[in-house]
Amino acid sequence: MARKNYHHGNLQAALIASGVELLRGKGIDAVTLRNVVRHAGVSPAAAYRHFASATDLLGAIAAEGFTALHTAMVAALTAPALADLSPLERIGQGYLQFVGSHPDHFRLIFSARIPAAERSAALTASGCAAFNVLFQAIEESRAQGHVKSTMPTPLIAAAAHSFIHGLSVLLLDQHLDPKELGFKSSVDLTRALQEIFKQGWGVASKAKPSRKSTYSSKRLKPR
């Protein structure tokens, strides 16, 4: 249904809102400028003053998604129910909460629909802000004695993100059922898996990485 209740000056926000509704209802492929214009009830010419292409619009929606991810992880850091966990474990729970409440944004921000070369400054900034929460949580956990590995922070970040992201996808796509594993909820399952991840499950290898990590928190970009 076309929406004509926007006011002069907030057309950009109305287009993003329409894009989000299409994303939630019909998926990423439905978010085209033609569909968004029709859904918002505006002229194509008006829309093109704000977004030159569907990729630009998807980028704006993805930036909102990264902002929501950032908010969820920061909120988890001070959540009373997670007080017994390390900062790194807390933001993992926040990540999972974001996925549960914003599944369509989650799929979009890590999809290939927005090529790296076409990411806007706003999208890059929001993505890096979210990832910086991860880096800070690792450093805080290290300072508190929860992270004892001498591996570089970016490498630990890559491992932690791979773990929680993969778990989120499995839960979101219902390939993993917490109850079948004896847990009441995904939160409880995540706590148990985080403990396994933290302690490890085997004997440490004596082999050293073939090359030293050259990544830094400033260079890490969302993919």
N, C-alpha and C. Protein backbone atom coordinates (compact mmCIF):
# COMPACT_ATOMS: atom_id res chain seq x y z
N MET A 1 0.85 -1.19 0.00
CA MET A 1 0.00 0.00 0.00
C MET A 1 0.88 1.23 0.00
N ALA A 2 0.57 2.20 -0.85
CA ALA A 2 1.36 3.41 -0.94
C ALA A 2 1.22 4.23 0.33
N ARG A 3 2.28 4.89 0.70
CA ARG A 3 2.29 5.70 1.92
C ARG A 3 2.53 7.15 1.50
N LYS A 4 1.64 8.04 1.90
CA LYS A 4 1.76 9.44 1.50
C LYS A 4 1.73 10.37 2.72
N ASN A 5 2.13 9.86 3.85
CA ASN A 5 2.05 10.64 5.08
C ASN A 5 3.39 11.25 5.48
N TYR A 6 4.36 11.31 4.56
CA TYR A 6 5.62 11.94 4.88
C TYR A 6 5.46 13.45 4.71
N HIS A 7 6.38 14.20 5.33
CA HIS A 7 6.33 15.65 5.25
C HIS A 7 7.59 16.15 4.56
N HIS A 8 7.50 17.33 4.06
CA HIS A 8 8.65 17.93 3.39
C HIS A 8 9.86 17.91 4.32
N GLY A 9 10.96 17.41 3.82
CA GLY A 9 12.18 17.38 4.62
C GLY A 9 12.52 16.02 5.17
N ASN A 10 11.56 15.10 5.23
CA ASN A 10 11.88 13.78 5.74
C ASN A 10 11.60 12.68 4.72
N LEU A 11 11.66 13.04 3.44
CA LEU A 11 11.43 12.06 2.39
C LEU A 11 12.47 10.95 2.43
N GLN A 12 13.71 11.31 2.71
CA GLN A 12 14.77 10.29 2.79
C GLN A 12 14.44 9.26 3.85
N ALA A 13 14.01 9.72 5.01
CA ALA A 13 13.65 8.80 6.09
C ALA A 13 12.45 7.94 5.69
N ALA A 14 11.50 8.54 4.96
CA ALA A 14 10.31 7.79 4.52
C ALA A 14 10.70 6.70 3.53
N LEU A 15 11.65 7.00 2.65
CA LEU A 15 12.11 6.00 1.68
C LEU A 15 12.84 4.85 2.39
N ILE A 16 13.66 5.19 3.38
CA ILE A 16 14.36 4.14 4.14
C ILE A 16 13.35 3.28 4.88
N ALA A 17 12.35 3.91 5.49
CA ALA A 17 11.32 3.17 6.22
C ALA A 17 10.56 2.23 5.29
N SER A 18 10.25 2.71 4.10
CA SER A 18 9.56 1.86 3.12
C SER A 18 10.45 0.70 2.69
N GLY A 19 11.74 0.99 2.52
CA GLY A 19 12.68 -0.06 2.16
C GLY A 19 12.79 -1.12 3.24
N VAL A 20 12.76 -0.70 4.50
CA VAL A 20 12.82 -1.64 5.61
C VAL A 20 11.57 -2.52 5.64
N GLU A 21 10.42 -1.93 5.38
CA GLU A 21 9.18 -2.70 5.37
C GLU A 21 9.19 -3.75 4.26
N LEU A 22 9.71 -3.36 3.10
CA LEU A 22 9.82 -4.32 2.00
C LEU A 22 10.83 -5.41 2.34
N LEU A 23 11.93 -5.02 2.96
CA LEU A 23 12.96 -5.98 3.36
C LEU A 23 12.38 -7.02 4.31
N ARG A 24 11.61 -6.56 5.29
CA ARG A 24 11.02 -7.46 6.27
C ARG A 24 9.94 -8.34 5.67
N GLY A 25 9.18 -7.76 4.76
CA GLY A 25 8.05 -8.52 4.22
C GLY A 25 8.38 -9.43 3.06
N LYS A 26 9.34 -8.99 2.21
CA LYS A 26 9.59 -9.74 0.98
C LYS A 26 11.06 -10.08 0.73
N GLY A 27 11.94 -9.61 1.57
CA GLY A 27 13.35 -9.95 1.41
C GLY A 27 14.14 -8.91 0.64
N ILE A 28 15.45 -9.13 0.57
CA ILE A 28 16.38 -8.16 -0.03
C ILE A 28 16.04 -7.88 -1.50
N ASP A 29 15.70 -8.92 -2.26
CA ASP A 29 15.46 -8.74 -3.69
C ASP A 29 14.29 -7.80 -3.98
N ALA A 30 13.41 -7.63 -3.02
CA ALA A 30 12.24 -6.77 -3.24
C ALA A 30 12.57 -5.29 -3.06
N VAL A 31 13.75 -5.00 -2.49
CA VAL A 31 14.11 -3.61 -2.22
C VAL A 31 14.76 -3.01 -3.46
N THR A 32 13.91 -2.59 -4.39
CA THR A 32 14.34 -1.86 -5.58
C THR A 32 13.78 -0.45 -5.48
N LEU A 33 14.38 0.49 -6.20
CA LEU A 33 13.87 1.85 -6.15
C LEU A 33 12.43 1.91 -6.66
N ARG A 34 12.14 1.14 -7.68
CA ARG A 34 10.78 1.14 -8.23
C ARG A 34 9.78 0.70 -7.16
N ASN A 35 10.09 -0.38 -6.47
CA ASN A 35 9.18 -0.88 -5.43
C ASN A 35 9.08 0.08 -4.25
N VAL A 36 10.21 0.66 -3.87
CA VAL A 36 10.21 1.57 -2.73
C VAL A 36 9.43 2.83 -3.04
N VAL A 37 9.62 3.36 -4.25
CA VAL A 37 8.89 4.56 -4.67
C VAL A 37 7.38 4.30 -4.66
N ARG A 38 7.00 3.15 -5.18
CA ARG A 38 5.58 2.81 -5.20
C ARG A 38 5.04 2.64 -3.79
N HIS A 39 5.82 1.99 -2.96
CA HIS A 39 5.39 1.74 -1.58
C HIS A 39 5.27 3.03 -0.78
N ALA A 40 6.19 3.98 -1.01
CA ALA A 40 6.20 5.24 -0.28
C ALA A 40 5.20 6.24 -0.86
N GLY A 41 4.76 6.00 -2.10
CA GLY A 41 3.81 6.91 -2.72
C GLY A 41 4.42 8.22 -3.16
N VAL A 42 5.65 8.16 -3.69
CA VAL A 42 6.32 9.37 -4.14
C VAL A 42 6.74 9.20 -5.60
N SER A 43 7.19 10.28 -6.20
CA SER A 43 7.62 10.22 -7.59
C SER A 43 9.05 9.71 -7.69
N PRO A 44 9.38 9.02 -8.77
CA PRO A 44 10.76 8.55 -8.95
C PRO A 44 11.77 9.69 -8.91
N ALA A 45 11.40 10.84 -9.48
CA ALA A 45 12.33 11.97 -9.51
C ALA A 45 12.67 12.42 -8.09
N ALA A 46 11.68 12.41 -7.22
CA ALA A 46 11.92 12.81 -5.83
C ALA A 46 12.86 11.83 -5.14
N ALA A 47 12.66 10.55 -5.41
CA ALA A 47 13.50 9.53 -4.78
C ALA A 47 14.95 9.63 -5.23
N TYR A 48 15.15 9.93 -6.52
CA TYR A 48 16.51 9.99 -7.05
C TYR A 48 17.31 11.16 -6.48
N ARG A 49 16.63 12.12 -5.88
CA ARG A 49 17.36 13.22 -5.24
C ARG A 49 18.07 12.75 -3.97
N HIS A 50 17.63 11.61 -3.46
CA HIS A 50 18.21 11.08 -2.23
C HIS A 50 19.04 9.82 -2.45
N PHE A 51 18.60 8.99 -3.38
CA PHE A 51 19.30 7.73 -3.65
C PHE A 51 19.44 7.53 -5.16
N ALA A 52 20.69 7.38 -5.60
CA ALA A 52 20.95 7.23 -7.03
C ALA A 52 20.64 5.83 -7.52
N SER A 53 20.61 4.87 -6.60
CA SER A 53 20.38 3.47 -6.99
C SER A 53 19.84 2.69 -5.81
N ALA A 54 19.40 1.47 -6.09
CA ALA A 54 18.93 0.59 -5.02
C ALA A 54 20.08 0.26 -4.07
N THR A 55 21.29 0.19 -4.58
CA THR A 55 22.45 -0.09 -3.73
C THR A 55 22.65 1.00 -2.70
N ASP A 56 22.44 2.26 -3.11
CA ASP A 56 22.55 3.38 -2.17
C ASP A 56 21.51 3.25 -1.06
N LEU A 57 20.30 2.89 -1.45
CA LEU A 57 19.23 2.74 -0.47
C LEU A 57 19.53 1.57 0.47
N LEU A 58 19.97 0.45 -0.08
CA LEU A 58 20.32 -0.70 0.76
C LEU A 58 21.45 -0.35 1.72
N GLY A 59 22.36 0.49 1.25
CA GLY A 59 23.46 0.92 2.11
C GLY A 59 22.96 1.73 3.30
N ALA A 60 21.97 2.58 3.06
CA ALA A 60 21.41 3.38 4.14
C ALA A 60 20.68 2.49 5.15
N ILE A 61 19.98 1.48 4.63
CA ILE A 61 19.28 0.54 5.52
C ILE A 61 20.30 -0.28 6.30
N ALA A 62 21.37 -0.70 5.64
CA ALA A 62 22.42 -1.48 6.31
C ALA A 62 23.10 -0.66 7.40
N ALA A 63 23.29 0.64 7.16
CA ALA A 63 23.89 1.51 8.18
C ALA A 63 23.02 1.53 9.43
N GLU A 64 21.71 1.58 9.23
CA GLU A 64 20.79 1.51 10.37
C GLU A 64 20.95 0.17 11.10
N GLY A 65 21.16 -0.88 10.33
CA GLY A 65 21.34 -2.19 10.92
C GLY A 65 22.58 -2.25 11.79
N PHE A 66 23.69 -1.72 11.30
CA PHE A 66 24.93 -1.72 12.10
C PHE A 66 24.76 -0.87 13.36
N THR A 67 24.00 0.22 13.24
CA THR A 67 23.74 1.05 14.42
C THR A 67 22.95 0.27 15.46
N ALA A 68 21.96 -0.51 14.99
CA ALA A 68 21.17 -1.34 15.91
C ALA A 68 22.03 -2.42 16.54
N LEU A 69 22.97 -2.99 15.77
CA LEU A 69 23.89 -4.00 16.30
C LEU A 69 24.77 -3.38 17.37
N HIS A 70 25.30 -2.20 17.09
CA HIS A 70 26.13 -1.48 18.06
C HIS A 70 25.36 -1.25 19.35
N THR A 71 24.12 -0.80 19.23
CA THR A 71 23.28 -0.53 20.40
C THR A 71 23.05 -1.78 21.23
N ALA A 72 22.77 -2.89 20.55
CA ALA A 72 22.49 -4.15 21.24
C ALA A 72 23.72 -4.65 22.00
N MET A 73 24.89 -4.53 21.40
CA MET A 73 26.10 -5.01 22.08
C MET A 73 26.47 -4.12 23.26
N VAL A 74 26.33 -2.82 23.09
CA VAL A 74 26.64 -1.90 24.19
C VAL A 74 25.67 -2.12 25.35
N ALA A 75 24.39 -2.33 25.03
CA ALA A 75 23.40 -2.58 26.08
C ALA A 75 23.71 -3.86 26.84
N ALA A 76 24.22 -4.87 26.14
CA ALA A 76 24.54 -6.14 26.78
C ALA A 76 25.68 -6.00 27.79
N LEU A 77 26.54 -5.03 27.57
CA LEU A 77 27.68 -4.83 28.47
C LEU A 77 27.24 -4.46 29.88
N THR A 78 26.07 -3.85 30.01
CA THR A 78 25.59 -3.43 31.33
C THR A 78 24.31 -4.15 31.74
N ALA A 79 23.94 -5.21 31.01
CA ALA A 79 22.73 -5.95 31.35
C ALA A 79 22.94 -6.74 32.64
N PRO A 80 22.10 -6.54 33.66
CA PRO A 80 22.26 -7.25 34.94
C PRO A 80 22.28 -8.77 34.80
N ALA A 81 21.47 -9.29 33.87
CA ALA A 81 21.38 -10.74 33.70
C ALA A 81 22.66 -11.35 33.17
N LEU A 82 23.55 -10.51 32.64
CA LEU A 82 24.80 -11.01 32.05
C LEU A 82 26.02 -10.61 32.88
N ALA A 83 25.78 -10.14 34.08
CA ALA A 83 26.85 -9.60 34.92
C ALA A 83 27.95 -10.62 35.24
N ASP A 84 27.62 -11.91 35.20
CA ASP A 84 28.61 -12.94 35.54
C ASP A 84 29.50 -13.30 34.35
N LEU A 85 29.22 -12.74 33.20
CA LEU A 85 30.00 -13.05 32.01
C LEU A 85 31.08 -12.00 31.76
N SER A 86 32.09 -12.37 30.99
CA SER A 86 33.12 -11.42 30.60
C SER A 86 32.54 -10.44 29.58
N PRO A 87 33.16 -9.27 29.40
CA PRO A 87 32.67 -8.32 28.40
C PRO A 87 32.55 -8.94 27.01
N LEU A 88 33.50 -9.79 26.65
CA LEU A 88 33.45 -10.43 25.33
C LEU A 88 32.23 -11.34 25.21
N GLU A 89 31.94 -12.09 26.27
CA GLU A 89 30.77 -12.97 26.25
C GLU A 89 29.48 -12.16 26.25
N ARG A 90 29.47 -11.05 26.94
CA ARG A 90 28.27 -10.21 26.99
C ARG A 90 27.91 -9.67 25.61
N ILE A 91 28.89 -9.16 24.90
CA ILE A 91 28.55 -8.59 23.59
C ILE A 91 28.15 -9.70 22.61
N GLY A 92 28.64 -10.91 22.86
CA GLY A 92 28.19 -12.04 22.05
C GLY A 92 26.70 -12.27 22.23
N GLN A 93 26.25 -12.16 23.48
CA GLN A 93 24.83 -12.28 23.77
C GLN A 93 24.06 -11.12 23.14
N GLY A 94 24.66 -9.93 23.14
CA GLY A 94 24.03 -8.78 22.51
C GLY A 94 23.90 -8.96 21.01
N TYR A 95 24.92 -9.55 20.42
CA TYR A 95 24.90 -9.86 18.97
C TYR A 95 23.74 -10.79 18.67
N LEU A 96 23.60 -11.82 19.49
CA LEU A 96 22.52 -12.79 19.29
C LEU A 96 21.16 -12.13 19.45
N GLN A 97 21.04 -11.20 20.41
CA GLN A 97 19.79 -10.49 20.62
C GLN A 97 19.45 -9.64 19.40
N PHE A 98 20.45 -9.00 18.82
CA PHE A 98 20.24 -8.21 17.61
C PHE A 98 19.71 -9.07 16.47
N VAL A 99 20.31 -10.23 16.29
CA VAL A 99 19.89 -11.12 15.21
C VAL A 99 18.44 -11.54 15.40
N GLY A 100 18.06 -11.81 16.64
CA GLY A 100 16.69 -12.22 16.90
C GLY A 100 15.68 -11.12 16.67
N SER A 101 16.05 -9.87 16.93
CA SER A 101 15.12 -8.76 16.79
C SER A 101 15.21 -8.06 15.43
N HIS A 102 16.34 -8.24 14.73
CA HIS A 102 16.52 -7.61 13.41
C HIS A 102 17.07 -8.63 12.40
N PRO A 103 16.36 -9.74 12.19
CA PRO A 103 16.90 -10.78 11.30
C PRO A 103 17.14 -10.31 9.87
N ASP A 104 16.28 -9.44 9.37
CA ASP A 104 16.43 -8.98 7.98
C ASP A 104 17.60 -8.02 7.83
N HIS A 105 17.79 -7.15 8.82
CA HIS A 105 18.96 -6.28 8.80
C HIS A 105 20.24 -7.13 8.89
N PHE A 106 20.20 -8.16 9.72
CA PHE A 106 21.36 -9.03 9.88
C PHE A 106 21.75 -9.67 8.55
N ARG A 107 20.76 -10.18 7.84
CA ARG A 107 21.06 -10.81 6.54
C ARG A 107 21.59 -9.79 5.55
N LEU A 108 21.06 -8.57 5.60
CA LEU A 108 21.49 -7.55 4.65
C LEU A 108 22.92 -7.09 4.90
N ILE A 109 23.26 -6.78 6.16
CA ILE A 109 24.56 -6.17 6.40
C ILE A 109 25.72 -7.12 6.12
N PHE A 110 25.44 -8.42 6.11
CA PHE A 110 26.50 -9.36 5.79
C PHE A 110 26.29 -10.06 4.45
N SER A 111 25.44 -9.47 3.62
CA SER A 111 25.20 -10.03 2.29
C SER A 111 26.19 -9.42 1.29
N ALA A 112 26.15 -9.94 0.07
CA ALA A 112 27.03 -9.42 -0.98
C ALA A 112 26.31 -8.39 -1.85
N ARG A 113 25.15 -7.93 -1.42
CA ARG A 113 24.37 -7.00 -2.22
C ARG A 113 24.95 -5.59 -2.25
N ILE A 114 25.84 -5.30 -1.31
CA ILE A 114 26.46 -3.98 -1.29
C ILE A 114 27.97 -4.16 -1.45
N PRO A 115 28.49 -4.07 -2.67
CA PRO A 115 29.92 -4.27 -2.91
C PRO A 115 30.76 -3.31 -2.09
N ALA A 116 31.93 -3.77 -1.69
CA ALA A 116 32.81 -2.95 -0.86
C ALA A 116 33.11 -1.60 -1.50
N ALA A 117 33.28 -1.60 -2.83
CA ALA A 117 33.61 -0.36 -3.53
C ALA A 117 32.47 0.64 -3.54
N GLU A 118 31.25 0.18 -3.23
CA GLU A 118 30.08 1.05 -3.29
C GLU A 118 29.53 1.40 -1.91
N ARG A 119 30.28 1.08 -0.88
CA ARG A 119 29.81 1.42 0.46
C ARG A 119 30.01 2.91 0.73
N SER A 120 28.99 3.52 1.29
CA SER A 120 29.06 4.93 1.62
C SER A 120 29.91 5.14 2.87
N ALA A 121 30.29 6.39 3.09
CA ALA A 121 31.07 6.71 4.28
C ALA A 121 30.26 6.42 5.54
N ALA A 122 28.95 6.66 5.48
CA ALA A 122 28.08 6.42 6.64
C ALA A 122 28.00 4.93 6.96
N LEU A 123 27.91 4.10 5.92
CA LEU A 123 27.85 2.66 6.14
C LEU A 123 29.16 2.13 6.71
N THR A 124 30.26 2.59 6.17
CA THR A 124 31.57 2.16 6.67
C THR A 124 31.76 2.59 8.12
N ALA A 125 31.36 3.82 8.43
CA ALA A 125 31.53 4.33 9.79
C ALA A 125 30.68 3.54 10.79
N SER A 126 29.43 3.25 10.41
CA SER A 126 28.56 2.51 11.34
C SER A 126 29.05 1.08 11.53
N GLY A 127 29.56 0.48 10.47
CA GLY A 127 30.10 -0.87 10.57
C GLY A 127 31.33 -0.92 11.46
N CYS A 128 32.23 0.03 11.28
CA CYS A 128 33.45 0.06 12.08
C CYS A 128 33.15 0.35 13.54
N ALA A 129 32.13 1.18 13.79
CA ALA A 129 31.75 1.48 15.18
C ALA A 129 31.28 0.22 15.88
N ALA A 130 30.51 -0.60 15.17
CA ALA A 130 30.04 -1.86 15.75
C ALA A 130 31.21 -2.80 16.02
N PHE A 131 32.13 -2.91 15.07
CA PHE A 131 33.26 -3.81 15.24
C PHE A 131 34.21 -3.31 16.33
N ASN A 132 34.27 -2.01 16.52
CA ASN A 132 35.14 -1.48 17.57
C ASN A 132 34.66 -1.88 18.96
N VAL A 133 33.35 -2.10 19.11
CA VAL A 133 32.83 -2.59 20.38
C VAL A 133 33.44 -3.96 20.68
N LEU A 134 33.58 -4.78 19.65
CA LEU A 134 34.19 -6.09 19.80
C LEU A 134 35.64 -5.97 20.24
N PHE A 135 36.39 -5.10 19.60
CA PHE A 135 37.80 -4.91 19.97
C PHE A 135 37.93 -4.42 21.41
N GLN A 136 37.09 -3.47 21.79
CA GLN A 136 37.15 -2.93 23.14
C GLN A 136 36.79 -4.00 24.18
N ALA A 137 35.80 -4.83 23.85
CA ALA A 137 35.39 -5.89 24.78
C ALA A 137 36.52 -6.90 24.98
N ILE A 138 37.25 -7.19 23.93
CA ILE A 138 38.38 -8.11 24.04
C ILE A 138 39.46 -7.51 24.94
N GLU A 139 39.75 -6.24 24.74
CA GLU A 139 40.77 -5.59 25.56
C GLU A 139 40.35 -5.53 27.03
N GLU A 140 39.06 -5.23 27.27
CA GLU A 140 38.56 -5.20 28.64
C GLU A 140 38.62 -6.60 29.27
N SER A 141 38.26 -7.61 28.49
CA SER A 141 38.30 -8.98 28.99
C SER A 141 39.73 -9.41 29.27
N ARG A 142 40.64 -8.96 28.43
CA ARG A 142 42.06 -9.28 28.65
C ARG A 142 42.55 -8.62 29.94
N ALA A 143 42.15 -7.37 30.15
CA ALA A 143 42.58 -6.63 31.35
C ALA A 143 42.02 -7.26 32.62
N GLN A 144 40.83 -7.87 32.51
CA GLN A 144 40.19 -8.50 33.67
C GLN A 144 40.63 -9.95 33.87
N GLY A 145 41.49 -10.45 32.98
CA GLY A 145 41.99 -11.80 33.11
C GLY A 145 41.13 -12.87 32.46
N HIS A 146 40.11 -12.47 31.73
CA HIS A 146 39.25 -13.44 31.06
C HIS A 146 39.86 -13.95 29.75
N VAL A 147 40.66 -13.12 29.12
CA VAL A 147 41.35 -13.50 27.88
C VAL A 147 42.83 -13.56 28.18
N LYS A 148 43.38 -14.77 28.14
CA LYS A 148 44.79 -14.95 28.47
C LYS A 148 45.66 -15.22 27.24
N SER A 149 45.01 -15.36 26.11
CA SER A 149 45.77 -15.63 24.89
C SER A 149 46.66 -14.44 24.55
N THR A 150 47.85 -14.76 24.05
CA THR A 150 48.77 -13.71 23.63
C THR A 150 48.59 -13.37 22.16
N MET A 151 47.61 -14.00 21.53
CA MET A 151 47.35 -13.71 20.12
C MET A 151 46.90 -12.27 19.96
N PRO A 152 47.15 -11.65 18.81
CA PRO A 152 46.73 -10.25 18.59
C PRO A 152 45.22 -10.11 18.71
N THR A 153 44.80 -8.99 19.22
CA THR A 153 43.37 -8.72 19.39
C THR A 153 42.57 -8.92 18.10
N PRO A 154 43.04 -8.45 16.94
CA PRO A 154 42.26 -8.65 15.72
C PRO A 154 42.03 -10.13 15.38
N LEU A 155 43.00 -10.97 15.72
CA LEU A 155 42.85 -12.41 15.43
C LEU A 155 41.81 -13.03 16.37
N ILE A 156 41.85 -12.62 17.62
CA ILE A 156 40.84 -13.09 18.58
C ILE A 156 39.47 -12.59 18.15
N ALA A 157 39.42 -11.35 17.67
CA ALA A 157 38.15 -10.78 17.21
C ALA A 157 37.59 -11.59 16.04
N ALA A 158 38.46 -11.98 15.12
CA ALA A 158 38.02 -12.76 13.96
C ALA A 158 37.46 -14.11 14.42
N ALA A 159 38.12 -14.74 15.40
CA ALA A 159 37.65 -16.03 15.91
C ALA A 159 36.31 -15.87 16.63
N ALA A 160 36.22 -14.85 17.48
CA ALA A 160 34.99 -14.63 18.25
C ALA A 160 33.83 -14.29 17.33
N HIS A 161 34.09 -13.45 16.33
CA HIS A 161 33.01 -13.08 15.40
C HIS A 161 32.57 -14.27 14.57
N SER A 162 33.52 -15.08 14.14
CA SER A 162 33.18 -16.27 13.36
C SER A 162 32.29 -17.20 14.17
N PHE A 163 32.61 -17.34 15.45
CA PHE A 163 31.83 -18.22 16.33
C PHE A 163 30.40 -17.71 16.49
N ILE A 164 30.24 -16.47 16.93
CA ILE A 164 28.90 -15.96 17.24
C ILE A 164 28.08 -15.75 15.98
N HIS A 165 28.74 -15.39 14.89
CA HIS A 165 28.02 -15.19 13.62
C HIS A 165 27.51 -16.53 13.10
N GLY A 166 28.37 -17.53 13.11
CA GLY A 166 27.94 -18.85 12.65
C GLY A 166 26.83 -19.41 13.49
N LEU A 167 26.93 -19.26 14.81
CA LEU A 167 25.88 -19.72 15.71
C LEU A 167 24.58 -18.99 15.42
N SER A 168 24.66 -17.68 15.18
CA SER A 168 23.46 -16.89 14.90
C SER A 168 22.76 -17.37 13.63
N VAL A 169 23.54 -17.67 12.60
CA VAL A 169 22.96 -18.16 11.34
C VAL A 169 22.28 -19.50 11.55
N LEU A 170 22.92 -20.40 12.28
CA LEU A 170 22.34 -21.72 12.54
C LEU A 170 21.03 -21.61 13.32
N LEU A 171 21.00 -20.73 14.30
CA LEU A 171 19.79 -20.54 15.08
C LEU A 171 18.69 -19.86 14.26
N LEU A 172 19.09 -18.85 13.51
CA LEU A 172 18.11 -18.09 12.72
C LEU A 172 17.46 -18.97 11.67
N ASP A 173 18.25 -19.82 11.03
CA ASP A 173 17.73 -20.70 9.99
C ASP A 173 17.18 -22.01 10.53
N GLN A 174 17.13 -22.10 11.86
CA GLN A 174 16.55 -23.26 12.55
C GLN A 174 17.27 -24.57 12.22
N HIS A 175 18.59 -24.47 12.06
CA HIS A 175 19.41 -25.67 11.87
C HIS A 175 19.94 -26.18 13.21
N LEU A 176 19.67 -25.42 14.26
CA LEU A 176 20.13 -25.77 15.59
C LEU A 176 19.01 -25.46 16.58
N ASP A 177 18.59 -26.47 17.32
CA ASP A 177 17.49 -26.32 18.27
C ASP A 177 18.03 -26.45 19.69
N PRO A 178 18.03 -25.36 20.47
CA PRO A 178 18.55 -25.42 21.85
C PRO A 178 17.90 -26.52 22.68
N LYS A 179 16.60 -26.74 22.52
CA LYS A 179 15.89 -27.73 23.33
C LYS A 179 16.37 -29.14 23.04
N GLU A 180 16.75 -29.40 21.79
CA GLU A 180 17.26 -30.73 21.46
C GLU A 180 18.59 -31.00 22.13
N LEU A 181 19.28 -29.93 22.51
CA LEU A 181 20.57 -30.07 23.19
C LEU A 181 20.43 -29.92 24.70
N GLY A 182 19.18 -29.81 25.17
CA GLY A 182 18.93 -29.76 26.60
C GLY A 182 18.90 -28.37 27.21
N PHE A 183 18.70 -27.34 26.39
CA PHE A 183 18.68 -25.97 26.91
C PHE A 183 17.31 -25.34 26.69
N LYS A 184 16.95 -24.46 27.62
CA LYS A 184 15.63 -23.83 27.55
C LYS A 184 15.55 -22.75 26.46
N SER A 185 16.66 -22.13 26.19
CA SER A 185 16.65 -21.02 25.23
C SER A 185 17.98 -20.90 24.51
N SER A 186 17.99 -20.06 23.49
CA SER A 186 19.23 -19.81 22.75
C SER A 186 20.25 -19.08 23.62
N VAL A 187 19.76 -18.30 24.59
CA VAL A 187 20.66 -17.60 25.51
C VAL A 187 21.44 -18.60 26.35
N ASP A 188 20.74 -19.59 26.88
CA ASP A 188 21.40 -20.62 27.69
C ASP A 188 22.37 -21.46 26.85
N LEU A 189 21.95 -21.79 25.65
CA LEU A 189 22.83 -22.56 24.76
C LEU A 189 24.09 -21.76 24.45
N THR A 190 23.91 -20.49 24.17
CA THR A 190 25.06 -19.64 23.85
C THR A 190 26.03 -19.55 25.02
N ARG A 191 25.50 -19.46 26.22
CA ARG A 191 26.37 -19.44 27.41
C ARG A 191 27.25 -20.70 27.45
N ALA A 192 26.62 -21.85 27.21
CA ALA A 192 27.36 -23.11 27.26
C ALA A 192 28.42 -23.18 26.16
N LEU A 193 28.04 -22.76 24.96
CA LEU A 193 28.99 -22.80 23.85
C LEU A 193 30.11 -21.79 24.03
N GLN A 194 29.79 -20.65 24.62
CA GLN A 194 30.83 -19.67 24.91
C GLN A 194 31.85 -20.24 25.90
N GLU A 195 31.37 -21.04 26.84
CA GLU A 195 32.27 -21.65 27.81
C GLU A 195 33.22 -22.63 27.11
N ILE A 196 32.67 -23.41 26.18
CA ILE A 196 33.50 -24.34 25.41
C ILE A 196 34.51 -23.57 24.58
N PHE A 197 34.02 -22.51 23.94
CA PHE A 197 34.89 -21.68 23.10
C PHE A 197 36.01 -21.06 23.94
N LYS A 198 35.66 -20.63 25.14
CA LYS A 198 36.63 -19.97 26.01
C LYS A 198 37.68 -20.94 26.54
N GLN A 199 37.25 -22.14 26.92
CA GLN A 199 38.16 -23.11 27.51
C GLN A 199 38.93 -23.90 26.45
N GLY A 200 38.36 -24.00 25.26
CA GLY A 200 38.97 -24.85 24.24
C GLY A 200 38.51 -26.28 24.41
N TRP A 201 38.78 -27.11 23.43
CA TRP A 201 38.29 -28.50 23.50
C TRP A 201 39.38 -29.52 23.20
N GLY A 202 40.62 -29.07 23.18
CA GLY A 202 41.69 -30.03 22.90
C GLY A 202 43.03 -29.50 23.39
N VAL A 203 44.06 -30.21 23.04
CA VAL A 203 45.41 -29.81 23.42
C VAL A 203 45.92 -28.77 22.43
N ALA A 204 46.48 -27.70 22.95
CA ALA A 204 46.98 -26.63 22.09
C ALA A 204 48.08 -27.15 21.17
N SER A 205 48.03 -26.73 19.93
CA SER A 205 49.03 -27.13 18.95
C SER A 205 50.35 -26.42 19.23
N LYS A 206 51.44 -27.13 18.97
CA LYS A 206 52.75 -26.53 19.15
C LYS A 206 53.16 -25.72 17.92
N ALA A 207 52.42 -25.93 16.85
CA ALA A 207 52.74 -25.20 15.61
C ALA A 207 52.32 -23.75 15.75
N LYS A 208 53.14 -22.86 15.23
CA LYS A 208 52.85 -21.44 15.27
C LYS A 208 52.27 -21.00 13.94
N PRO A 209 51.47 -19.91 13.95
CA PRO A 209 50.93 -19.39 12.68
C PRO A 209 52.05 -19.12 11.70
N SER A 210 51.79 -19.38 10.42
CA SER A 210 52.83 -19.24 9.41
C SER A 210 53.22 -17.79 9.16
N ARG A 211 52.32 -16.88 9.48
CA ARG A 211 52.65 -15.47 9.28
C ARG A 211 51.98 -14.64 10.36
N LYS A 212 52.61 -13.57 10.73
CA LYS A 212 52.09 -12.70 11.78
C LYS A 212 50.93 -11.89 11.26
N SER A 213 49.90 -11.74 12.10
CA SER A 213 48.74 -10.95 11.70
C SER A 213 49.15 -9.50 11.50
N THR A 214 48.69 -8.90 10.41
CA THR A 214 49.00 -7.49 10.13
C THR A 214 47.76 -6.63 10.21
N TYR A 215 46.65 -7.20 10.72
CA TYR A 215 45.42 -6.44 10.81
C TYR A 215 45.42 -5.55 12.05
N SER A 216 44.66 -4.50 11.98
CA SER A 216 44.43 -3.62 13.13
C SER A 216 42.97 -3.28 13.20
N SER A 217 42.51 -2.78 14.34
CA SER A 217 41.10 -2.45 14.49
C SER A 217 40.69 -1.37 13.51
N LYS A 218 41.59 -0.48 13.13
CA LYS A 218 41.24 0.58 12.20
C LYS A 218 41.09 0.06 10.78
N ARG A 219 41.77 -1.07 10.49
CA ARG A 219 41.72 -1.59 9.12
C ARG A 219 40.59 -2.59 8.93
N LEU A 220 40.09 -3.16 10.03
CA LEU A 220 39.05 -4.17 9.91
C LEU A 220 37.79 -3.55 9.39
N LYS A 221 37.22 -4.11 8.33
CA LYS A 221 36.00 -3.60 7.74
C LYS A 221 34.94 -4.70 7.77
N PRO A 222 33.68 -4.31 7.96
CA PRO A 222 32.61 -5.32 7.96
C PRO A 222 32.50 -5.95 6.58
N ARG A 223 32.25 -7.24 6.55
CA ARG A 223 32.13 -7.96 5.29
C ARG A 223 30.77 -8.59 5.17
